[in-house]
Amino acid sequence: MAVRGWLSTDLAREAGVADMTVTRFFRGDHQTARTAKKLANALGYSPRRYMLRGDQGAAA
């Protein structure tokens, strides 16, 4: 976001999600695949960049 000069509200508008969704996303909270895809596309990345793989989200 910083490279584009965006605030979180700019990303939210570009992705079509709520401002709080962006906050939760960057906090690392669970997101649906649909939300991850919207945010990744708005940032110009593959949604796979933001998806958990295997046991990354599991408690140790």
C-alpha atoms as a PDB file:
ATOM      1  CA  MET A   1       0.000   0.000   0.000  1.00  0.00           C
ATOM      2  CA  ALA A   2       2.767   2.416   0.895  1.00  0.00           C
ATOM      3  CA  VAL A   3       4.309   2.012  -2.552  1.00  0.00           C
ATOM      4  CA  ARG A   4       1.032   3.107  -4.109  1.00  0.00           C
ATOM      5  CA  GLY A   5       0.572   5.883  -1.570  1.00  0.00           C
ATOM      6  CA  TRP A   6      -2.700   4.354  -0.396  1.00  0.00           C
ATOM      7  CA  LEU A   7      -4.331   4.532   2.985  1.00  0.00           C
ATOM      8  CA  SER A   8      -6.311   1.544   4.237  1.00  0.00           C
ATOM      9  CA  THR A   9      -9.484   3.376   3.217  1.00  0.00           C
ATOM     10  CA  ASP A  10      -8.164   3.606  -0.351  1.00  0.00           C
ATOM     11  CA  LEU A  11      -7.530  -0.140  -0.425  1.00  0.00           C
ATOM     12  CA  ALA A  12     -10.984  -0.825   1.000  1.00  0.00           C
ATOM     13  CA  ARG A  13     -12.615   1.302  -1.687  1.00  0.00           C
ATOM     14  CA  GLU A  14     -10.533  -0.256  -4.483  1.00  0.00           C
ATOM     15  CA  ALA A  15     -11.276  -3.813  -3.273  1.00  0.00           C
ATOM     16  CA  GLY A  16     -14.942  -3.155  -2.552  1.00  0.00           C
ATOM     17  CA  VAL A  17     -14.733  -4.126   1.118  1.00  0.00           C
ATOM     18  CA  ALA A  18     -15.315  -2.354   4.429  1.00  0.00           C
ATOM     19  CA  ASP A  19     -12.501  -0.364   6.076  1.00  0.00           C
ATOM     20  CA  MET A  20     -12.595  -2.698   9.072  1.00  0.00           C
ATOM     21  CA  THR A  21     -12.066  -5.680   6.756  1.00  0.00           C
ATOM     22  CA  VAL A  22      -8.740  -4.172   5.659  1.00  0.00           C
ATOM     23  CA  THR A  23      -7.767  -3.611   9.295  1.00  0.00           C
ATOM     24  CA  ARG A  24      -8.540  -7.234  10.147  1.00  0.00           C
ATOM     25  CA  PHE A  25      -6.667  -8.418   7.045  1.00  0.00           C
ATOM     26  CA  PHE A  26      -3.461  -6.633   8.018  1.00  0.00           C
ATOM     27  CA  ARG A  27      -3.839  -7.756  11.618  1.00  0.00           C
ATOM     28  CA  GLY A  28      -3.704 -11.309  10.298  1.00  0.00           C
ATOM     29  CA  ASP A  29      -7.257 -12.245  11.231  1.00  0.00           C
ATOM     30  CA  HIS A  30      -9.010 -15.021   9.298  1.00  0.00           C
ATOM     31  CA  GLN A  31     -10.502 -13.894   5.993  1.00  0.00           C
ATOM     32  CA  THR A  32     -12.684 -15.690   3.527  1.00  0.00           C
ATOM     33  CA  ALA A  33     -11.143 -16.729   0.225  1.00  0.00           C
ATOM     34  CA  ARG A  34     -13.404 -14.212  -1.487  1.00  0.00           C
ATOM     35  CA  THR A  35     -12.118 -11.331   0.649  1.00  0.00           C
ATOM     36  CA  ALA A  36      -8.488 -12.392   0.241  1.00  0.00           C
ATOM     37  CA  LYS A  37      -8.997 -12.474  -3.527  1.00  0.00           C
ATOM     38  CA  LYS A  38     -10.538  -8.992  -3.585  1.00  0.00           C
ATOM     39  CA  LEU A  39      -7.716  -7.509  -1.524  1.00  0.00           C
ATOM     40  CA  ALA A  40      -4.974  -9.322  -3.419  1.00  0.00           C
ATOM     41  CA  ASN A  41      -6.389  -8.224  -6.758  1.00  0.00           C
ATOM     42  CA  ALA A  42      -6.631  -4.622  -5.589  1.00  0.00           C
ATOM     43  CA  LEU A  43      -2.986  -4.789  -4.501  1.00  0.00           C
ATOM     44  CA  GLY A  44      -1.931  -6.463  -7.750  1.00  0.00           C
ATOM     45  CA  TYR A  45      -0.909  -9.790  -6.201  1.00  0.00           C
ATOM     46  CA  SER A  46      -2.023 -13.370  -6.545  1.00  0.00           C
ATOM     47  CA  PRO A  47      -4.563 -14.383  -3.872  1.00  0.00           C
ATOM     48  CA  ARG A  48      -2.279 -17.339  -3.041  1.00  0.00           C
ATOM     49  CA  ARG A  49       0.083 -14.842  -1.429  1.00  0.00           C
ATOM     50  CA  TYR A  50      -2.481 -14.324   1.344  1.00  0.00           C
ATOM     51  CA  MET A  51      -3.824 -17.841   1.764  1.00  0.00           C
ATOM     52  CA  LEU A  52      -2.700 -20.142   4.568  1.00  0.00           C
ATOM     53  CA  ARG A  53      -1.095 -23.363   3.486  1.00  0.00           C
ATOM     54  CA  GLY A  54      -1.196 -26.636   5.365  1.00  0.00           C
ATOM     55  CA  ASP A  55      -0.994 -26.153   9.123  1.00  0.00           C
ATOM     56  CA  GLN A  56       0.178 -22.511   9.199  1.00  0.00           C
ATOM     57  CA  GLY A  57      -2.970 -21.446  11.000  1.00  0.00           C
ATOM     58  CA  ALA A  58      -3.051 -24.329  13.445  1.00  0.00           C
ATOM     59  CA  ALA A  59      -2.160 -23.904  17.106  1.00  0.00           C
ATOM     60  CA  ALA A  60       1.085 -25.540  18.160  1.00  0.00           C
END
